[in-house]
Amino acid sequence: MKTIFLSSIAIMALGISACNSTPQNASNVETHDESQHTESVAVKDSDLKAITPLFSDLSPEVSSSIKQIVDHYINVSTALGNDDNKAAASGGMAISEIITHVDKSAFSKEQKTLYVKNEKALKEHATKIAANVNNIEVQRESFEKMSEDVYDLVKTFGGGRKLYKAHCPMVDADWLTETNEIKNPYFGESMLTCGLIDEIVF
């Protein structure tokens, strides 16, 4: 237990040092000094807090819907990491469409209650990302909120694959990623490796 705790402290310290420079896209900053930026270090899965989804007995329809939402969420994250507002908008639109067509009759009563809890907010954030194709900052703000909803979905239903939860200390926000390599969607190329991985969801 002591080893895991010390590992967690070390990981957090690495993440903070990875983000010790001011982001390039901050309004009062003209340049970005790469010499101040330390890249985050990949961590072992065994050093991370492991989360097992609440339900393992999903119907194929539910599994497919959740997986599609996560697929497009990952696309939005990747697009924002690449500073690609158009691809982010496309991913947001796809999530909104999928949510519209989710067959809620395929959920058990308890599953449906937990799904519906996040459905409206998730769709609102996805729609806002889609609608703000020319404003990547608004997209990133909506992505931050959407990430909380998708994280709740994945903790409840799984994501159809192993996922990592990453944390950006600069904005104090999380996101999900398929790899333990940091590609920060909140700052894109200006601080792409800023962050740390702190959980794994199976």
N, C-alpha and C. Protein backbone atom coordinates (compact mmCIF):
# COMPACT_ATOMS: atom_id res chain seq x y z
N MET A 1 0.83 -1.20 0.00
CA MET A 1 0.00 0.00 0.00
C MET A 1 0.87 1.26 0.00
N LYS A 2 1.95 1.21 0.83
CA LYS A 2 2.87 2.34 0.91
C LYS A 2 3.52 2.60 -0.44
N THR A 3 3.87 1.50 -1.15
CA THR A 3 4.50 1.63 -2.48
C THR A 3 3.57 2.30 -3.47
N ILE A 4 2.28 1.89 -3.46
CA ILE A 4 1.29 2.49 -4.37
C ILE A 4 1.13 3.97 -4.07
N PHE A 5 1.08 4.31 -2.77
CA PHE A 5 0.93 5.70 -2.37
C PHE A 5 2.10 6.54 -2.85
N LEU A 6 3.32 6.02 -2.63
CA LEU A 6 4.52 6.75 -3.06
C LEU A 6 4.57 6.89 -4.57
N SER A 7 4.14 5.82 -5.28
CA SER A 7 4.10 5.88 -6.75
C SER A 7 3.13 6.96 -7.21
N SER A 8 1.98 7.05 -6.52
CA SER A 8 0.98 8.06 -6.89
C SER A 8 1.53 9.47 -6.71
N ILE A 9 2.27 9.68 -5.59
CA ILE A 9 2.87 10.99 -5.34
C ILE A 9 3.89 11.32 -6.43
N ALA A 10 4.69 10.33 -6.80
CA ALA A 10 5.70 10.54 -7.84
C ALA A 10 5.05 10.87 -9.17
N ILE A 11 3.97 10.16 -9.50
CA ILE A 11 3.25 10.40 -10.77
C ILE A 11 2.68 11.82 -10.78
N MET A 12 2.10 12.24 -9.65
CA MET A 12 1.53 13.58 -9.57
C MET A 12 2.61 14.65 -9.75
N ALA A 13 3.76 14.43 -9.12
CA ALA A 13 4.87 15.38 -9.25
C ALA A 13 5.33 15.49 -10.68
N LEU A 14 5.40 14.35 -11.38
CA LEU A 14 5.80 14.36 -12.79
C LEU A 14 4.79 15.12 -13.63
N GLY A 15 3.50 14.91 -13.33
CA GLY A 15 2.46 15.60 -14.10
C GLY A 15 2.52 17.09 -13.92
N ILE A 16 2.73 17.53 -12.69
CA ILE A 16 2.81 18.98 -12.43
C ILE A 16 4.03 19.57 -13.09
N SER A 17 5.17 18.86 -13.03
CA SER A 17 6.38 19.38 -13.69
C SER A 17 6.22 19.41 -15.20
N ALA A 18 5.36 18.51 -15.72
CA ALA A 18 5.12 18.49 -17.16
C ALA A 18 4.37 19.72 -17.62
N CYS A 19 3.75 20.42 -16.70
CA CYS A 19 2.91 21.57 -17.05
C CYS A 19 3.40 22.83 -16.38
N ASN A 20 4.70 22.92 -16.13
CA ASN A 20 5.20 24.05 -15.35
C ASN A 20 5.39 25.33 -16.13
N SER A 21 5.03 25.32 -17.41
CA SER A 21 5.11 26.54 -18.19
C SER A 21 3.72 27.06 -18.50
N THR A 22 3.61 28.33 -18.77
CA THR A 22 2.33 28.95 -19.07
C THR A 22 1.91 28.58 -20.47
N PRO A 23 0.62 28.23 -20.69
CA PRO A 23 0.18 27.83 -22.02
C PRO A 23 0.31 28.94 -23.05
N GLN A 24 0.63 28.56 -24.26
CA GLN A 24 0.81 29.52 -25.35
C GLN A 24 -0.48 30.23 -25.69
N ASN A 25 -1.62 29.53 -25.50
CA ASN A 25 -2.87 30.15 -25.91
C ASN A 25 -3.48 31.01 -24.81
N ALA A 26 -2.75 31.25 -23.71
CA ALA A 26 -3.24 32.20 -22.71
C ALA A 26 -3.20 33.59 -23.31
N SER A 27 -4.18 34.44 -22.93
CA SER A 27 -4.35 35.74 -23.59
C SER A 27 -3.16 36.68 -23.41
N ASN A 28 -2.41 36.54 -22.30
CA ASN A 28 -1.33 37.49 -22.05
C ASN A 28 0.05 36.93 -22.40
N VAL A 29 0.10 35.84 -23.15
CA VAL A 29 1.38 35.22 -23.47
C VAL A 29 1.62 35.25 -24.97
N GLU A 30 2.79 35.75 -25.37
CA GLU A 30 3.12 35.84 -26.78
C GLU A 30 3.90 34.62 -27.25
N THR A 31 4.78 34.09 -26.39
CA THR A 31 5.62 32.98 -26.80
C THR A 31 5.55 31.84 -25.79
N HIS A 32 6.08 30.68 -26.21
CA HIS A 32 6.08 29.50 -25.36
C HIS A 32 7.49 28.94 -25.33
N ASP A 33 8.08 28.89 -24.15
CA ASP A 33 9.45 28.43 -24.00
C ASP A 33 9.48 26.94 -23.77
N GLU A 34 9.84 26.17 -24.82
CA GLU A 34 9.87 24.72 -24.73
C GLU A 34 10.89 24.23 -23.72
N SER A 35 11.93 25.04 -23.41
CA SER A 35 12.95 24.61 -22.47
C SER A 35 12.39 24.45 -21.05
N GLN A 36 11.25 25.11 -20.76
CA GLN A 36 10.64 25.00 -19.45
C GLN A 36 9.68 23.83 -19.37
N HIS A 37 9.45 23.17 -20.48
CA HIS A 37 8.42 22.13 -20.53
C HIS A 37 9.04 20.74 -20.41
N THR A 38 8.66 20.01 -19.39
CA THR A 38 9.13 18.64 -19.21
C THR A 38 8.02 17.70 -19.63
N GLU A 39 8.31 16.78 -20.53
CA GLU A 39 7.28 15.87 -21.00
C GLU A 39 6.87 14.91 -19.90
N SER A 40 5.56 14.57 -19.88
CA SER A 40 5.07 13.62 -18.90
C SER A 40 5.63 12.23 -19.22
N VAL A 41 5.73 11.41 -18.19
CA VAL A 41 6.31 10.09 -18.34
C VAL A 41 5.21 9.04 -18.28
N ALA A 42 5.24 8.07 -19.20
CA ALA A 42 4.25 7.00 -19.20
C ALA A 42 4.39 6.18 -17.93
N VAL A 43 3.26 5.76 -17.38
CA VAL A 43 3.27 4.97 -16.15
C VAL A 43 2.77 3.57 -16.44
N LYS A 44 3.11 2.64 -15.55
CA LYS A 44 2.66 1.26 -15.68
C LYS A 44 1.21 1.15 -15.24
N ASP A 45 0.46 0.28 -15.90
CA ASP A 45 -0.94 0.06 -15.52
C ASP A 45 -1.06 -0.35 -14.06
N SER A 46 -0.10 -1.12 -13.59
CA SER A 46 -0.15 -1.62 -12.21
C SER A 46 0.01 -0.51 -11.17
N ASP A 47 0.51 0.64 -11.57
CA ASP A 47 0.68 1.78 -10.65
C ASP A 47 -0.57 2.66 -10.58
N LEU A 48 -1.56 2.37 -11.40
CA LEU A 48 -2.74 3.22 -11.48
C LEU A 48 -3.90 2.66 -10.67
N LYS A 49 -4.75 3.55 -10.21
CA LYS A 49 -5.99 3.13 -9.57
C LYS A 49 -6.87 2.49 -10.63
N ALA A 50 -7.36 1.27 -10.37
CA ALA A 50 -8.16 0.54 -11.35
C ALA A 50 -9.65 0.66 -11.03
N ILE A 51 -10.43 0.96 -12.06
CA ILE A 51 -11.88 1.08 -11.92
C ILE A 51 -12.54 -0.03 -12.75
N THR A 52 -13.43 -0.78 -12.12
CA THR A 52 -14.20 -1.80 -12.83
C THR A 52 -15.62 -1.28 -13.00
N PRO A 53 -16.16 -1.28 -14.22
CA PRO A 53 -17.52 -0.76 -14.43
C PRO A 53 -18.56 -1.46 -13.56
N LEU A 54 -19.59 -0.72 -13.21
CA LEU A 54 -20.65 -1.22 -12.34
C LEU A 54 -21.38 -2.41 -12.95
N PHE A 55 -21.66 -2.32 -14.26
CA PHE A 55 -22.40 -3.39 -14.93
C PHE A 55 -21.52 -4.15 -15.90
N SER A 56 -21.62 -5.48 -15.85
CA SER A 56 -20.89 -6.31 -16.81
C SER A 56 -21.85 -7.14 -17.65
N ASP A 57 -23.15 -6.99 -17.38
CA ASP A 57 -24.18 -7.79 -18.06
C ASP A 57 -25.03 -6.94 -19.01
N LEU A 58 -24.36 -6.18 -19.85
CA LEU A 58 -25.09 -5.30 -20.76
C LEU A 58 -25.62 -6.06 -21.97
N SER A 59 -26.74 -5.61 -22.48
CA SER A 59 -27.24 -6.17 -23.74
C SER A 59 -26.33 -5.70 -24.87
N PRO A 60 -26.29 -6.45 -25.98
CA PRO A 60 -25.45 -6.03 -27.12
C PRO A 60 -25.80 -4.62 -27.62
N GLU A 61 -27.08 -4.27 -27.56
CA GLU A 61 -27.51 -2.95 -28.03
C GLU A 61 -26.93 -1.84 -27.15
N VAL A 62 -26.98 -2.05 -25.83
CA VAL A 62 -26.44 -1.06 -24.90
C VAL A 62 -24.93 -0.95 -25.07
N SER A 63 -24.26 -2.10 -25.12
CA SER A 63 -22.79 -2.10 -25.30
C SER A 63 -22.40 -1.35 -26.56
N SER A 64 -23.12 -1.58 -27.65
CA SER A 64 -22.82 -0.93 -28.92
C SER A 64 -23.01 0.58 -28.83
N SER A 65 -24.10 1.01 -28.21
CA SER A 65 -24.37 2.45 -28.09
C SER A 65 -23.32 3.15 -27.26
N ILE A 66 -22.96 2.57 -26.12
CA ILE A 66 -21.96 3.20 -25.25
C ILE A 66 -20.61 3.24 -25.95
N LYS A 67 -20.27 2.14 -26.63
CA LYS A 67 -18.99 2.09 -27.34
C LYS A 67 -18.92 3.16 -28.43
N GLN A 68 -20.02 3.37 -29.15
CA GLN A 68 -20.04 4.39 -30.20
C GLN A 68 -19.87 5.80 -29.61
N ILE A 69 -20.51 6.04 -28.48
CA ILE A 69 -20.36 7.35 -27.81
C ILE A 69 -18.89 7.56 -27.45
N VAL A 70 -18.28 6.52 -26.86
CA VAL A 70 -16.88 6.62 -26.45
C VAL A 70 -15.97 6.78 -27.66
N ASP A 71 -16.25 6.04 -28.73
CA ASP A 71 -15.45 6.15 -29.97
C ASP A 71 -15.39 7.61 -30.44
N HIS A 72 -16.56 8.24 -30.51
CA HIS A 72 -16.60 9.62 -31.02
C HIS A 72 -16.07 10.62 -29.99
N TYR A 73 -16.22 10.31 -28.72
CA TYR A 73 -15.61 11.13 -27.67
C TYR A 73 -14.09 11.14 -27.85
N ILE A 74 -13.51 9.96 -28.08
CA ILE A 74 -12.06 9.87 -28.31
C ILE A 74 -11.68 10.68 -29.55
N ASN A 75 -12.52 10.63 -30.58
CA ASN A 75 -12.26 11.42 -31.80
C ASN A 75 -12.25 12.93 -31.49
N VAL A 76 -13.18 13.36 -30.65
CA VAL A 76 -13.22 14.78 -30.27
C VAL A 76 -11.95 15.15 -29.50
N SER A 77 -11.56 14.30 -28.55
CA SER A 77 -10.35 14.54 -27.78
C SER A 77 -9.12 14.65 -28.67
N THR A 78 -9.00 13.71 -29.60
CA THR A 78 -7.87 13.71 -30.53
C THR A 78 -7.87 14.98 -31.38
N ALA A 79 -9.05 15.36 -31.86
CA ALA A 79 -9.17 16.57 -32.68
C ALA A 79 -8.74 17.82 -31.90
N LEU A 80 -9.18 17.93 -30.66
CA LEU A 80 -8.80 19.09 -29.85
C LEU A 80 -7.31 19.09 -29.54
N GLY A 81 -6.74 17.90 -29.33
CA GLY A 81 -5.30 17.79 -29.14
C GLY A 81 -4.53 18.25 -30.36
N ASN A 82 -5.14 18.06 -31.53
CA ASN A 82 -4.53 18.48 -32.81
C ASN A 82 -4.94 19.89 -33.22
N ASP A 83 -5.67 20.59 -32.33
CA ASP A 83 -6.18 21.94 -32.63
C ASP A 83 -7.08 21.95 -33.86
N ASP A 84 -7.81 20.87 -34.07
CA ASP A 84 -8.67 20.72 -35.25
C ASP A 84 -10.13 20.91 -34.85
N ASN A 85 -10.58 22.16 -34.89
CA ASN A 85 -11.93 22.48 -34.45
C ASN A 85 -13.01 21.86 -35.34
N LYS A 86 -12.72 21.67 -36.63
CA LYS A 86 -13.71 21.08 -37.54
C LYS A 86 -13.95 19.61 -37.22
N ALA A 87 -12.87 18.87 -36.99
CA ALA A 87 -13.01 17.45 -36.63
C ALA A 87 -13.68 17.31 -35.27
N ALA A 88 -13.39 18.22 -34.35
CA ALA A 88 -14.04 18.20 -33.04
C ALA A 88 -15.54 18.41 -33.19
N ALA A 89 -15.93 19.37 -34.04
CA ALA A 89 -17.35 19.63 -34.29
C ALA A 89 -18.04 18.41 -34.89
N SER A 90 -17.36 17.75 -35.81
CA SER A 90 -17.91 16.55 -36.44
C SER A 90 -18.13 15.44 -35.40
N GLY A 91 -17.17 15.28 -34.48
CA GLY A 91 -17.31 14.28 -33.43
C GLY A 91 -18.44 14.62 -32.47
N GLY A 92 -18.58 15.89 -32.15
CA GLY A 92 -19.68 16.33 -31.29
C GLY A 92 -21.03 16.04 -31.92
N MET A 93 -21.13 16.31 -33.21
CA MET A 93 -22.38 16.04 -33.93
C MET A 93 -22.69 14.54 -33.93
N ALA A 94 -21.68 13.71 -34.11
CA ALA A 94 -21.87 12.25 -34.12
C ALA A 94 -22.38 11.76 -32.76
N ILE A 95 -21.81 12.29 -31.68
CA ILE A 95 -22.26 11.89 -30.34
C ILE A 95 -23.72 12.28 -30.14
N SER A 96 -24.06 13.49 -30.53
CA SER A 96 -25.44 13.96 -30.40
C SER A 96 -26.41 13.06 -31.16
N GLU A 97 -26.02 12.66 -32.37
CA GLU A 97 -26.87 11.78 -33.19
C GLU A 97 -27.03 10.40 -32.54
N ILE A 98 -25.95 9.85 -32.04
CA ILE A 98 -26.00 8.53 -31.40
C ILE A 98 -26.94 8.57 -30.20
N ILE A 99 -26.81 9.61 -29.38
CA ILE A 99 -27.65 9.73 -28.18
C ILE A 99 -29.13 9.80 -28.57
N THR A 100 -29.43 10.49 -29.65
CA THR A 100 -30.81 10.61 -30.12
C THR A 100 -31.41 9.24 -30.43
N HIS A 101 -30.56 8.31 -30.89
CA HIS A 101 -31.07 7.01 -31.35
C HIS A 101 -30.80 5.86 -30.37
N VAL A 102 -30.33 6.17 -29.17
CA VAL A 102 -30.11 5.09 -28.19
C VAL A 102 -31.46 4.48 -27.82
N ASP A 103 -31.53 3.15 -27.89
CA ASP A 103 -32.75 2.42 -27.54
C ASP A 103 -32.76 2.17 -26.03
N LYS A 104 -33.47 3.02 -25.31
CA LYS A 104 -33.45 2.91 -23.85
C LYS A 104 -34.21 1.69 -23.34
N SER A 105 -35.00 1.07 -24.20
CA SER A 105 -35.70 -0.15 -23.78
C SER A 105 -34.74 -1.33 -23.62
N ALA A 106 -33.52 -1.19 -24.15
CA ALA A 106 -32.52 -2.25 -24.05
C ALA A 106 -31.81 -2.25 -22.68
N PHE A 107 -32.01 -1.19 -21.89
CA PHE A 107 -31.42 -1.10 -20.56
C PHE A 107 -32.32 -1.82 -19.55
N SER A 108 -31.71 -2.34 -18.49
CA SER A 108 -32.51 -2.78 -17.35
C SER A 108 -33.02 -1.51 -16.66
N LYS A 109 -33.93 -1.66 -15.71
CA LYS A 109 -34.50 -0.50 -15.03
C LYS A 109 -33.41 0.32 -14.34
N GLU A 110 -32.52 -0.37 -13.62
CA GLU A 110 -31.45 0.33 -12.90
C GLU A 110 -30.47 0.98 -13.87
N GLN A 111 -30.14 0.27 -14.95
CA GLN A 111 -29.22 0.81 -15.95
C GLN A 111 -29.81 2.06 -16.61
N LYS A 112 -31.09 2.00 -16.93
CA LYS A 112 -31.75 3.13 -17.58
C LYS A 112 -31.72 4.37 -16.68
N THR A 113 -31.99 4.17 -15.40
CA THR A 113 -31.97 5.29 -14.45
C THR A 113 -30.61 5.98 -14.45
N LEU A 114 -29.55 5.19 -14.43
CA LEU A 114 -28.20 5.75 -14.39
C LEU A 114 -27.81 6.37 -15.73
N TYR A 115 -28.26 5.78 -16.83
CA TYR A 115 -27.95 6.34 -18.14
C TYR A 115 -28.64 7.69 -18.34
N VAL A 116 -29.91 7.73 -18.03
CA VAL A 116 -30.71 8.95 -18.25
C VAL A 116 -30.17 10.12 -17.42
N LYS A 117 -29.55 9.80 -16.28
CA LYS A 117 -28.98 10.82 -15.40
C LYS A 117 -27.99 11.72 -16.14
N ASN A 118 -27.24 11.15 -17.08
CA ASN A 118 -26.20 11.91 -17.80
C ASN A 118 -26.57 12.24 -19.24
N GLU A 119 -27.60 11.62 -19.74
CA GLU A 119 -27.90 11.72 -21.18
C GLU A 119 -28.12 13.16 -21.66
N LYS A 120 -28.95 13.91 -20.96
CA LYS A 120 -29.30 15.27 -21.40
C LYS A 120 -28.07 16.17 -21.42
N ALA A 121 -27.30 16.16 -20.32
CA ALA A 121 -26.10 17.01 -20.25
C ALA A 121 -25.08 16.61 -21.30
N LEU A 122 -24.90 15.32 -21.49
CA LEU A 122 -23.95 14.83 -22.49
C LEU A 122 -24.32 15.32 -23.88
N LYS A 123 -25.59 15.23 -24.21
CA LYS A 123 -26.05 15.69 -25.53
C LYS A 123 -25.87 17.20 -25.67
N GLU A 124 -26.16 17.95 -24.62
CA GLU A 124 -26.01 19.41 -24.68
C GLU A 124 -24.55 19.79 -24.95
N HIS A 125 -23.62 19.14 -24.26
CA HIS A 125 -22.20 19.46 -24.44
C HIS A 125 -21.72 19.06 -25.83
N ALA A 126 -22.18 17.90 -26.30
CA ALA A 126 -21.80 17.44 -27.64
C ALA A 126 -22.33 18.39 -28.71
N THR A 127 -23.57 18.82 -28.54
CA THR A 127 -24.20 19.74 -29.49
C THR A 127 -23.47 21.09 -29.51
N LYS A 128 -23.04 21.54 -28.33
CA LYS A 128 -22.33 22.82 -28.25
C LYS A 128 -20.97 22.73 -28.95
N ILE A 129 -20.31 21.58 -28.82
CA ILE A 129 -19.04 21.39 -29.53
C ILE A 129 -19.28 21.43 -31.04
N ALA A 130 -20.36 20.78 -31.48
CA ALA A 130 -20.70 20.76 -32.91
C ALA A 130 -21.04 22.14 -33.43
N ALA A 131 -21.73 22.94 -32.61
CA ALA A 131 -22.20 24.25 -33.04
C ALA A 131 -21.10 25.32 -33.05
N ASN A 132 -20.00 25.07 -32.35
CA ASN A 132 -18.95 26.08 -32.24
C ASN A 132 -17.71 25.71 -33.04
N VAL A 133 -17.94 25.37 -34.29
CA VAL A 133 -16.85 24.96 -35.17
C VAL A 133 -15.77 26.03 -35.31
N ASN A 134 -16.13 27.29 -35.15
CA ASN A 134 -15.16 28.37 -35.29
C ASN A 134 -14.65 28.91 -33.96
N ASN A 135 -14.94 28.21 -32.88
CA ASN A 135 -14.50 28.69 -31.56
C ASN A 135 -13.98 27.51 -30.73
N ILE A 136 -12.72 27.19 -30.91
CA ILE A 136 -12.15 26.02 -30.25
C ILE A 136 -12.10 26.17 -28.73
N GLU A 137 -12.05 27.40 -28.23
CA GLU A 137 -12.04 27.59 -26.78
C GLU A 137 -13.38 27.18 -26.17
N VAL A 138 -14.47 27.53 -26.83
CA VAL A 138 -15.79 27.09 -26.36
C VAL A 138 -15.90 25.57 -26.47
N GLN A 139 -15.36 25.01 -27.56
CA GLN A 139 -15.36 23.56 -27.71
C GLN A 139 -14.63 22.89 -26.54
N ARG A 140 -13.51 23.45 -26.16
CA ARG A 140 -12.72 22.87 -25.06
C ARG A 140 -13.45 22.99 -23.73
N GLU A 141 -14.13 24.10 -23.51
CA GLU A 141 -14.91 24.26 -22.28
C GLU A 141 -16.03 23.21 -22.23
N SER A 142 -16.68 22.99 -23.35
CA SER A 142 -17.75 21.99 -23.41
C SER A 142 -17.19 20.58 -23.29
N PHE A 143 -16.01 20.36 -23.85
CA PHE A 143 -15.36 19.05 -23.76
C PHE A 143 -15.04 18.71 -22.30
N GLU A 144 -14.63 19.71 -21.55
CA GLU A 144 -14.33 19.49 -20.13
C GLU A 144 -15.56 18.95 -19.40
N LYS A 145 -16.72 19.56 -19.66
CA LYS A 145 -17.96 19.12 -19.02
C LYS A 145 -18.41 17.77 -19.58
N MET A 146 -18.26 17.60 -20.89
CA MET A 146 -18.63 16.34 -21.52
C MET A 146 -17.78 15.19 -20.98
N SER A 147 -16.52 15.46 -20.69
CA SER A 147 -15.63 14.43 -20.17
C SER A 147 -16.13 13.88 -18.84
N GLU A 148 -16.71 14.73 -18.02
CA GLU A 148 -17.27 14.27 -16.74
C GLU A 148 -18.42 13.32 -16.99
N ASP A 149 -19.27 13.64 -17.97
CA ASP A 149 -20.41 12.77 -18.29
C ASP A 149 -19.97 11.44 -18.88
N VAL A 150 -19.00 11.48 -19.78
CA VAL A 150 -18.51 10.25 -20.41
C VAL A 150 -17.79 9.38 -19.37
N TYR A 151 -17.06 10.01 -18.47
CA TYR A 151 -16.40 9.27 -17.40
C TYR A 151 -17.44 8.52 -16.55
N ASP A 152 -18.54 9.20 -16.21
CA ASP A 152 -19.61 8.55 -15.45
C ASP A 152 -20.20 7.37 -16.23
N LEU A 153 -20.39 7.56 -17.53
CA LEU A 153 -20.91 6.46 -18.38
C LEU A 153 -19.97 5.26 -18.36
N VAL A 154 -18.68 5.53 -18.53
CA VAL A 154 -17.68 4.46 -18.59
C VAL A 154 -17.55 3.75 -17.26
N LYS A 155 -17.61 4.50 -16.16
CA LYS A 155 -17.56 3.87 -14.83
C LYS A 155 -18.78 2.98 -14.62
N THR A 156 -19.88 3.33 -15.24
CA THR A 156 -21.12 2.57 -15.05
C THR A 156 -21.22 1.41 -16.03
N PHE A 157 -20.92 1.67 -17.32
CA PHE A 157 -21.17 0.68 -18.36
C PHE A 157 -19.92 0.15 -19.06
N GLY A 158 -18.77 0.73 -18.76
CA GLY A 158 -17.57 0.36 -19.51
C GLY A 158 -17.54 1.12 -20.83
N GLY A 159 -16.41 1.03 -21.52
CA GLY A 159 -16.28 1.75 -22.78
C GLY A 159 -15.96 0.86 -23.96
N GLY A 160 -16.07 -0.45 -23.75
CA GLY A 160 -15.79 -1.38 -24.84
C GLY A 160 -14.31 -1.66 -25.03
N ARG A 161 -13.47 -1.14 -24.14
CA ARG A 161 -12.02 -1.32 -24.21
C ARG A 161 -11.40 -0.75 -22.94
N LYS A 162 -10.10 -0.95 -22.78
CA LYS A 162 -9.38 -0.36 -21.66
C LYS A 162 -9.20 1.13 -21.94
N LEU A 163 -9.49 1.94 -20.93
CA LEU A 163 -9.34 3.39 -21.06
C LEU A 163 -8.55 3.94 -19.87
N TYR A 164 -7.89 5.05 -20.11
CA TYR A 164 -7.14 5.72 -19.06
C TYR A 164 -7.80 7.06 -18.77
N LYS A 165 -7.79 7.45 -17.50
CA LYS A 165 -8.24 8.81 -17.15
C LYS A 165 -7.00 9.66 -16.94
N ALA A 166 -6.93 10.74 -17.70
CA ALA A 166 -5.81 11.68 -17.60
C ALA A 166 -6.29 12.95 -16.92
N HIS A 167 -5.35 13.67 -16.32
CA HIS A 167 -5.68 14.91 -15.61
C HIS A 167 -4.75 16.03 -16.06
N CYS A 168 -5.35 17.18 -16.35
CA CYS A 168 -4.58 18.38 -16.69
C CYS A 168 -4.60 19.32 -15.50
N PRO A 169 -3.48 19.49 -14.80
CA PRO A 169 -3.47 20.37 -13.62
C PRO A 169 -3.62 21.85 -13.97
N MET A 170 -3.33 22.23 -15.21
CA MET A 170 -3.43 23.64 -15.59
C MET A 170 -4.88 24.13 -15.59
N VAL A 171 -5.81 23.25 -15.98
CA VAL A 171 -7.23 23.63 -15.96
C VAL A 171 -8.00 22.83 -14.92
N ASP A 172 -7.29 21.95 -14.20
CA ASP A 172 -7.89 21.08 -13.19
C ASP A 172 -9.07 20.31 -13.79
N ALA A 173 -8.79 19.64 -14.90
CA ALA A 173 -9.83 18.90 -15.61
C ALA A 173 -9.29 17.55 -16.08
N ASP A 174 -10.20 16.60 -16.25
CA ASP A 174 -9.84 15.25 -16.68
C ASP A 174 -10.31 14.99 -18.10
N TRP A 175 -9.79 13.91 -18.67
CA TRP A 175 -10.31 13.38 -19.93
C TRP A 175 -9.94 11.91 -20.02
N LEU A 176 -10.60 11.20 -20.92
CA LEU A 176 -10.33 9.78 -21.13
C LEU A 176 -9.52 9.60 -22.40
N THR A 177 -8.64 8.61 -22.38
CA THR A 177 -7.78 8.34 -23.52
C THR A 177 -7.58 6.83 -23.67
N GLU A 178 -7.30 6.39 -24.87
CA GLU A 178 -7.09 4.96 -25.12
C GLU A 178 -5.67 4.51 -24.78
N THR A 179 -4.75 5.44 -24.64
CA THR A 179 -3.36 5.09 -24.34
C THR A 179 -2.90 5.87 -23.11
N ASN A 180 -1.79 5.43 -22.52
CA ASN A 180 -1.28 6.17 -21.37
C ASN A 180 -0.28 7.24 -21.79
N GLU A 181 -0.37 7.63 -23.05
CA GLU A 181 0.43 8.74 -23.57
C GLU A 181 -0.41 10.01 -23.53
N ILE A 182 0.12 11.06 -22.92
CA ILE A 182 -0.62 12.31 -22.77
C ILE A 182 -0.64 13.09 -24.09
N LYS A 183 -1.87 13.40 -24.54
CA LYS A 183 -2.08 14.32 -25.66
C LYS A 183 -3.21 15.25 -25.22
N ASN A 184 -2.84 16.35 -24.63
CA ASN A 184 -3.76 17.22 -23.92
C ASN A 184 -4.74 17.94 -24.86
N PRO A 185 -6.05 17.64 -24.72
CA PRO A 185 -7.04 18.29 -25.58
C PRO A 185 -7.38 19.71 -25.16
N TYR A 186 -6.97 20.11 -23.95
CA TYR A 186 -7.32 21.44 -23.45
C TYR A 186 -6.37 22.54 -23.94
N PHE A 187 -5.17 22.15 -24.36
CA PHE A 187 -4.21 23.13 -24.86
C PHE A 187 -3.67 22.78 -26.24
N GLY A 188 -3.91 21.56 -26.71
CA GLY A 188 -3.43 21.18 -28.04
C GLY A 188 -1.92 21.27 -28.15
N GLU A 189 -1.47 21.67 -29.32
CA GLU A 189 -0.04 21.65 -29.62
C GLU A 189 0.79 22.55 -28.70
N SER A 190 0.18 23.56 -28.11
CA SER A 190 0.94 24.47 -27.26
C SER A 190 1.45 23.80 -25.99
N MET A 191 0.70 22.80 -25.50
CA MET A 191 1.12 22.05 -24.30
C MET A 191 0.61 20.62 -24.41
N LEU A 192 0.94 19.96 -25.48
CA LEU A 192 0.35 18.66 -25.81
C LEU A 192 0.64 17.59 -24.77
N THR A 193 1.80 17.61 -24.15
CA THR A 193 2.17 16.55 -23.21
C THR A 193 1.95 16.96 -21.75
N CYS A 194 1.19 18.02 -21.54
CA CYS A 194 0.91 18.46 -20.17
C CYS A 194 -0.15 17.56 -19.54
N GLY A 195 0.17 16.94 -18.42
CA GLY A 195 -0.81 16.14 -17.72
C GLY A 195 -0.23 14.88 -17.12
N LEU A 196 -1.11 14.11 -16.49
CA LEU A 196 -0.71 12.84 -15.90
C LEU A 196 -1.87 11.86 -15.99
N ILE A 197 -1.53 10.58 -16.02
CA ILE A 197 -2.53 9.51 -16.02
C ILE A 197 -2.71 9.08 -14.57
N ASP A 198 -3.97 8.99 -14.12
CA ASP A 198 -4.15 8.61 -12.72
C ASP A 198 -5.10 7.43 -12.49
N GLU A 199 -5.81 7.00 -13.53
CA GLU A 199 -6.71 5.85 -13.37
C GLU A 199 -6.74 5.02 -14.64
N ILE A 200 -7.15 3.79 -14.46
CA ILE A 200 -7.41 2.91 -15.61
C ILE A 200 -8.78 2.29 -15.43
N VAL A 201 -9.57 2.27 -16.49
CA VAL A 201 -10.93 1.73 -16.44
C VAL A 201 -10.99 0.52 -17.37
N PHE A 202 -11.37 -0.62 -16.85
CA PHE A 202 -11.41 -1.85 -17.66
C PHE A 202 -12.80 -2.08 -18.22
